[in-house]
Amino acid sequence: ITIRSVPSLLGHASPKRLVLDLLTTDDQRSWSDQIERWIDGAVARLACHGSVRGGMKIEREEAYALLESIQVTELAAFCPHGRPVMLSLTK
């Protein structure tokens, strides 16, 4: 098998490992499921690495835009890895 390219979202993964995983998958119908899981994982990593982290300084407008997007985004209370993105402080 000759691998000429790998989708950029999967660029972090070993091409050899990707092919071996596909070849050991029971049937072709689950190939697309496996590829989808790889892509979901890559997108989650990209989202986390590009996110605003605790302690980072951002402009007021960016903070308000983030708060507004959290209100309209499904599952926005947690990062792709399941960690909370908000903390509620009481008096």
N, C-alpha and C. Protein backbone atom coordinates (compact mmCIF):
# COMPACT_ATOMS: atom_id res chain seq x y z
N ILE A 1 0.86 -1.17 0.00
CA ILE A 1 0.00 0.00 0.00
C ILE A 1 0.89 1.22 0.00
N THR A 2 0.59 2.17 -0.87
CA THR A 2 1.31 3.44 -0.92
C THR A 2 0.38 4.54 -0.44
N ILE A 3 0.82 5.28 0.54
CA ILE A 3 0.04 6.41 1.05
C ILE A 3 0.66 7.67 0.49
N ARG A 4 -0.11 8.41 -0.28
CA ARG A 4 0.39 9.63 -0.90
C ARG A 4 0.04 10.88 -0.11
N SER A 5 -1.04 10.82 0.64
CA SER A 5 -1.42 11.97 1.46
C SER A 5 -2.37 11.52 2.56
N VAL A 6 -2.49 12.37 3.55
CA VAL A 6 -3.39 12.15 4.68
C VAL A 6 -4.15 13.45 4.88
N PRO A 7 -5.45 13.39 5.13
CA PRO A 7 -6.19 14.64 5.38
C PRO A 7 -5.50 15.45 6.48
N SER A 8 -5.46 16.75 6.31
CA SER A 8 -4.74 17.60 7.26
C SER A 8 -5.26 17.45 8.69
N LEU A 9 -6.55 17.19 8.85
CA LEU A 9 -7.08 16.99 10.20
C LEU A 9 -6.47 15.77 10.89
N LEU A 10 -6.01 14.82 10.08
CA LEU A 10 -5.41 13.61 10.65
C LEU A 10 -3.88 13.64 10.55
N GLY A 11 -3.33 14.79 10.25
CA GLY A 11 -1.89 14.93 10.05
C GLY A 11 -1.06 14.54 11.25
N HIS A 12 -1.62 14.61 12.45
CA HIS A 12 -0.89 14.25 13.67
C HIS A 12 -0.72 12.74 13.81
N ALA A 13 -1.59 11.99 13.15
CA ALA A 13 -1.61 10.53 13.30
C ALA A 13 -0.62 9.87 12.37
N SER A 14 -0.19 8.71 12.75
CA SER A 14 0.71 7.92 11.92
C SER A 14 -0.08 7.31 10.76
N PRO A 15 0.31 7.59 9.50
CA PRO A 15 -0.39 7.00 8.37
C PRO A 15 -0.40 5.47 8.44
N LYS A 16 0.70 4.90 8.86
CA LYS A 16 0.78 3.44 8.98
C LYS A 16 -0.27 2.94 9.98
N ARG A 17 -0.39 3.62 11.11
CA ARG A 17 -1.37 3.23 12.13
C ARG A 17 -2.79 3.37 11.61
N LEU A 18 -3.07 4.44 10.86
CA LEU A 18 -4.40 4.64 10.29
C LEU A 18 -4.78 3.48 9.37
N VAL A 19 -3.86 3.10 8.50
CA VAL A 19 -4.14 2.01 7.55
C VAL A 19 -4.31 0.69 8.29
N LEU A 20 -3.44 0.42 9.25
CA LEU A 20 -3.56 -0.83 10.01
C LEU A 20 -4.87 -0.89 10.78
N ASP A 21 -5.30 0.24 11.35
CA ASP A 21 -6.58 0.27 12.05
C ASP A 21 -7.73 -0.04 11.10
N LEU A 22 -7.68 0.55 9.90
CA LEU A 22 -8.75 0.28 8.92
C LEU A 22 -8.75 -1.17 8.48
N LEU A 23 -7.56 -1.73 8.27
CA LEU A 23 -7.47 -3.12 7.81
C LEU A 23 -7.94 -4.11 8.86
N THR A 24 -7.85 -3.75 10.12
CA THR A 24 -8.30 -4.66 11.18
C THR A 24 -9.75 -4.43 11.57
N THR A 25 -10.39 -3.44 10.94
CA THR A 25 -11.82 -3.20 11.18
C THR A 25 -12.62 -4.33 10.54
N ASP A 26 -13.62 -4.82 11.26
CA ASP A 26 -14.37 -5.99 10.83
C ASP A 26 -15.00 -5.88 9.44
N ASP A 27 -15.63 -4.78 9.14
CA ASP A 27 -16.23 -4.64 7.81
C ASP A 27 -16.10 -3.20 7.33
N GLN A 28 -16.28 -3.01 6.05
CA GLN A 28 -16.08 -1.70 5.45
C GLN A 28 -17.07 -0.66 5.95
N ARG A 29 -18.26 -1.08 6.34
CA ARG A 29 -19.24 -0.12 6.83
C ARG A 29 -18.73 0.61 8.05
N SER A 30 -17.92 -0.03 8.86
CA SER A 30 -17.42 0.64 10.07
C SER A 30 -16.16 1.46 9.77
N TRP A 31 -15.62 1.38 8.55
CA TRP A 31 -14.47 2.22 8.17
C TRP A 31 -14.83 3.69 8.32
N SER A 32 -16.00 4.07 7.80
CA SER A 32 -16.39 5.48 7.88
C SER A 32 -16.59 5.91 9.33
N ASP A 33 -17.10 5.00 10.18
CA ASP A 33 -17.25 5.32 11.60
C ASP A 33 -15.89 5.57 12.23
N GLN A 34 -14.91 4.74 11.90
CA GLN A 34 -13.56 4.88 12.45
C GLN A 34 -12.93 6.21 11.99
N ILE A 35 -13.06 6.52 10.71
CA ILE A 35 -12.51 7.77 10.17
C ILE A 35 -13.20 8.95 10.84
N GLU A 36 -14.51 8.86 11.02
CA GLU A 36 -15.25 9.94 11.67
C GLU A 36 -14.77 10.15 13.11
N ARG A 37 -14.48 9.07 13.82
CA ARG A 37 -13.95 9.19 15.20
C ARG A 37 -12.59 9.89 15.19
N TRP A 38 -11.73 9.54 14.22
CA TRP A 38 -10.41 10.20 14.13
C TRP A 38 -10.58 11.69 13.88
N ILE A 39 -11.47 12.04 12.96
CA ILE A 39 -11.69 13.45 12.62
C ILE A 39 -12.28 14.19 13.82
N ASP A 40 -13.25 13.57 14.51
CA ASP A 40 -13.83 14.20 15.70
C ASP A 40 -12.75 14.49 16.74
N GLY A 41 -11.86 13.53 16.94
CA GLY A 41 -10.77 13.72 17.90
C GLY A 41 -9.84 14.84 17.49
N ALA A 42 -9.53 14.91 16.19
CA ALA A 42 -8.64 15.97 15.69
C ALA A 42 -9.29 17.33 15.85
N VAL A 43 -10.57 17.43 15.54
CA VAL A 43 -11.29 18.70 15.67
C VAL A 43 -11.34 19.12 17.14
N ALA A 44 -11.56 18.17 18.04
CA ALA A 44 -11.60 18.49 19.47
C ALA A 44 -10.25 19.03 19.94
N ARG A 45 -9.15 18.41 19.48
CA ARG A 45 -7.82 18.91 19.84
C ARG A 45 -7.59 20.31 19.31
N LEU A 46 -7.97 20.55 18.06
CA LEU A 46 -7.82 21.88 17.48
C LEU A 46 -8.62 22.92 18.26
N ALA A 47 -9.83 22.56 18.64
CA ALA A 47 -10.68 23.48 19.40
C ALA A 47 -10.05 23.81 20.75
N CYS A 48 -9.53 22.81 21.42
CA CYS A 48 -8.91 23.06 22.72
C CYS A 48 -7.64 23.89 22.60
N HIS A 49 -6.82 23.58 21.63
CA HIS A 49 -5.56 24.31 21.47
C HIS A 49 -5.78 25.75 21.03
N GLY A 50 -6.88 26.02 20.36
CA GLY A 50 -7.16 27.37 19.89
C GLY A 50 -8.05 28.17 20.83
N SER A 51 -8.36 27.61 21.97
CA SER A 51 -9.32 28.26 22.86
C SER A 51 -8.65 29.29 23.77
N VAL A 52 -9.49 30.10 24.36
CA VAL A 52 -9.03 31.07 25.36
C VAL A 52 -8.82 30.28 26.65
N ARG A 53 -7.65 30.42 27.24
CA ARG A 53 -7.32 29.66 28.46
C ARG A 53 -7.46 30.55 29.69
N GLY A 54 -7.59 29.92 30.83
CA GLY A 54 -7.66 30.65 32.09
C GLY A 54 -6.43 31.54 32.26
N GLY A 55 -6.67 32.76 32.71
CA GLY A 55 -5.56 33.69 32.93
C GLY A 55 -5.19 34.52 31.71
N MET A 56 -5.72 34.15 30.53
CA MET A 56 -5.42 34.93 29.33
C MET A 56 -6.20 36.23 29.36
N LYS A 57 -5.58 37.28 28.89
CA LYS A 57 -6.27 38.58 28.80
C LYS A 57 -6.87 38.71 27.40
N ILE A 58 -8.15 39.07 27.37
CA ILE A 58 -8.83 39.31 26.10
C ILE A 58 -9.54 40.65 26.17
N GLU A 59 -9.87 41.18 25.04
CA GLU A 59 -10.58 42.46 24.97
C GLU A 59 -12.02 42.27 25.43
N ARG A 60 -12.61 43.34 25.92
CA ARG A 60 -13.99 43.31 26.41
C ARG A 60 -14.95 42.79 25.34
N GLU A 61 -14.79 43.25 24.09
CA GLU A 61 -15.68 42.83 23.01
C GLU A 61 -15.58 41.32 22.77
N GLU A 62 -14.37 40.78 22.85
CA GLU A 62 -14.18 39.34 22.66
C GLU A 62 -14.84 38.57 23.79
N ALA A 63 -14.73 39.06 25.02
CA ALA A 63 -15.36 38.40 26.16
C ALA A 63 -16.88 38.36 26.00
N TYR A 64 -17.46 39.50 25.59
CA TYR A 64 -18.91 39.53 25.37
C TYR A 64 -19.33 38.61 24.23
N ALA A 65 -18.53 38.56 23.17
CA ALA A 65 -18.84 37.67 22.05
C ALA A 65 -18.79 36.21 22.49
N LEU A 66 -17.82 35.86 23.33
CA LEU A 66 -17.74 34.49 23.85
C LEU A 66 -18.97 34.15 24.71
N LEU A 67 -19.35 35.08 25.56
CA LEU A 67 -20.53 34.84 26.41
C LEU A 67 -21.79 34.67 25.57
N GLU A 68 -21.93 35.48 24.53
CA GLU A 68 -23.10 35.35 23.65
C GLU A 68 -23.08 34.01 22.90
N SER A 69 -21.90 33.59 22.44
CA SER A 69 -21.83 32.33 21.69
C SER A 69 -22.12 31.13 22.59
N ILE A 70 -21.76 31.23 23.87
CA ILE A 70 -22.05 30.14 24.81
C ILE A 70 -23.56 29.95 24.95
N GLN A 71 -24.31 31.04 24.92
CA GLN A 71 -25.76 30.97 25.08
C GLN A 71 -26.45 30.27 23.91
N VAL A 72 -25.87 30.34 22.71
CA VAL A 72 -26.53 29.77 21.54
C VAL A 72 -25.88 28.49 21.03
N THR A 73 -24.80 28.06 21.67
CA THR A 73 -24.07 26.87 21.23
C THR A 73 -24.46 25.67 22.07
N GLU A 74 -24.81 24.59 21.39
CA GLU A 74 -25.18 23.36 22.08
C GLU A 74 -23.95 22.77 22.78
N LEU A 75 -24.11 22.34 24.00
CA LEU A 75 -23.05 21.73 24.81
C LEU A 75 -21.85 22.66 25.02
N ALA A 76 -22.08 23.96 25.12
CA ALA A 76 -20.99 24.93 25.26
C ALA A 76 -20.44 24.99 26.68
N ALA A 77 -21.09 24.38 27.63
CA ALA A 77 -20.64 24.46 29.01
C ALA A 77 -19.39 23.61 29.27
N PHE A 78 -19.03 22.75 28.31
CA PHE A 78 -17.87 21.87 28.49
C PHE A 78 -16.99 21.88 27.25
N CYS A 79 -15.71 21.69 27.44
CA CYS A 79 -14.79 21.57 26.31
C CYS A 79 -14.99 20.18 25.67
N PRO A 80 -14.39 19.93 24.52
CA PRO A 80 -14.56 18.61 23.88
C PRO A 80 -14.09 17.43 24.73
N HIS A 81 -13.24 17.72 25.72
CA HIS A 81 -12.76 16.65 26.59
C HIS A 81 -13.61 16.49 27.85
N GLY A 82 -14.68 17.31 27.96
CA GLY A 82 -15.60 17.18 29.08
C GLY A 82 -15.32 18.09 30.26
N ARG A 83 -14.30 18.94 30.17
CA ARG A 83 -14.00 19.85 31.27
C ARG A 83 -14.91 21.08 31.17
N PRO A 84 -15.34 21.62 32.32
CA PRO A 84 -16.22 22.80 32.28
C PRO A 84 -15.47 24.02 31.74
N VAL A 85 -16.19 24.86 31.02
CA VAL A 85 -15.59 26.09 30.48
C VAL A 85 -16.04 27.31 31.29
N MET A 86 -16.94 27.11 32.23
CA MET A 86 -17.43 28.21 33.07
C MET A 86 -17.37 27.79 34.52
N LEU A 87 -17.27 28.79 35.37
CA LEU A 87 -17.27 28.56 36.80
C LEU A 87 -18.20 29.59 37.42
N SER A 88 -19.11 29.15 38.24
CA SER A 88 -20.04 30.06 38.90
C SER A 88 -19.50 30.43 40.27
N LEU A 89 -19.32 31.72 40.50
CA LEU A 89 -18.82 32.20 41.78
C LEU A 89 -19.96 32.83 42.56
N THR A 90 -20.08 32.46 43.81
CA THR A 90 -21.09 33.07 44.67
C THR A 90 -20.41 34.06 45.60
N LYS A 91 -21.22 34.82 46.31
CA LYS A 91 -20.65 35.78 47.26
C LYS A 91 -19.78 35.07 48.26
